[in-house]
C-alpha atoms as a PDB file:
ATOM      1  CA  MET A   1       0.000   0.000   0.000  1.00  0.00           C
ATOM      2  CA  GLY A   2       1.660   3.229  -1.135  1.00  0.00           C
ATOM      3  CA  ASN A   3       0.971   6.873  -0.592  1.00  0.00           C
ATOM      4  CA  LYS A   4      -0.748   7.323  -3.947  1.00  0.00           C
ATOM      5  CA  ARG A   5      -2.168  10.822  -4.361  1.00  0.00           C
ATOM      6  CA  ILE A   6      -5.341  11.080  -6.364  1.00  0.00           C
ATOM      7  CA  PRO A   7      -6.350  14.656  -7.216  1.00  0.00           C
ATOM      8  CA  PHE A   8      -9.748  15.957  -6.184  1.00  0.00           C
ATOM      9  CA  GLU A   9     -12.237  16.198  -9.028  1.00  0.00           C
ATOM     10  CA  PRO A  10     -14.691  19.062  -9.541  1.00  0.00           C
ATOM     11  CA  ASP A  11     -18.363  18.400  -8.728  1.00  0.00           C
ATOM     12  CA  LYS A  12     -17.586  15.357  -6.569  1.00  0.00           C
ATOM     13  CA  LEU A  13     -18.356  14.849  -2.883  1.00  0.00           C
ATOM     14  CA  TYR A  14     -15.627  13.914  -0.422  1.00  0.00           C
ATOM     15  CA  HIS A  15     -15.869  12.901   3.212  1.00  0.00           C
ATOM     16  CA  VAL A  16     -13.219  14.487   5.422  1.00  0.00           C
ATOM     17  CA  TYR A  17     -12.540  12.393   8.506  1.00  0.00           C
ATOM     18  CA  ASN A  18     -12.092  14.228  11.779  1.00  0.00           C
ATOM     19  CA  HIS A  19     -11.095  11.266  13.944  1.00  0.00           C
ATOM     20  CA  GLY A  20      -9.041   8.102  13.744  1.00  0.00           C
ATOM     21  CA  ASN A  21     -10.021   4.526  14.518  1.00  0.00           C
ATOM     22  CA  GLY A  22     -11.380   4.174  18.018  1.00  0.00           C
ATOM     23  CA  SER A  23      -9.853   6.873  20.172  1.00  0.00           C
ATOM     24  CA  GLU A  24      -6.659   7.150  18.083  1.00  0.00           C
ATOM     25  CA  CYS A  25      -5.628  10.720  17.258  1.00  0.00           C
ATOM     26  CA  LEU A  26      -5.847  11.657  13.613  1.00  0.00           C
ATOM     27  CA  PHE A  27      -3.111  14.302  13.850  1.00  0.00           C
ATOM     28  CA  ARG A  28      -0.045  13.243  15.793  1.00  0.00           C
ATOM     29  CA  SER A  29       1.439  16.739  15.890  1.00  0.00           C
ATOM     30  CA  ASP A  30       0.374  20.350  15.491  1.00  0.00           C
ATOM     31  CA  GLU A  31       2.342  20.445  12.212  1.00  0.00           C
ATOM     32  CA  ASN A  32       0.135  17.703  10.770  1.00  0.00           C
ATOM     33  CA  TYR A  33      -2.999  19.552  11.814  1.00  0.00           C
ATOM     34  CA  TYR A  34      -1.875  22.872  10.314  1.00  0.00           C
ATOM     35  CA  TYR A  35      -0.852  21.127   7.079  1.00  0.00           C
ATOM     36  CA  PHE A  36      -4.355  19.642   6.879  1.00  0.00           C
ATOM     37  CA  LEU A  37      -5.958  23.058   7.447  1.00  0.00           C
ATOM     38  CA  LYS A  38      -3.771  24.595   4.735  1.00  0.00           C
ATOM     39  CA  LYS A  39      -4.768  21.926   2.201  1.00  0.00           C
ATOM     40  CA  TYR A  40      -8.426  22.102   3.281  1.00  0.00           C
ATOM     41  CA  ALA A  41      -8.479  25.856   2.653  1.00  0.00           C
ATOM     42  CA  GLN A  42      -6.780  25.340  -0.708  1.00  0.00           C
ATOM     43  CA  TYR A  43      -9.632  23.142  -1.950  1.00  0.00           C
ATOM     44  CA  LEU A  44     -12.541  25.162  -0.559  1.00  0.00           C
END
């Protein structure tokens, strides 16, 4: 299983997860969280 990046397509719906499996943290560091927010804003 690789880290294959598939670009977002216009007019499609995507589900953004805000939690990991069980009680596992989705973002292990503040850097990860801020990177996510930056990319999220880019695609809004």
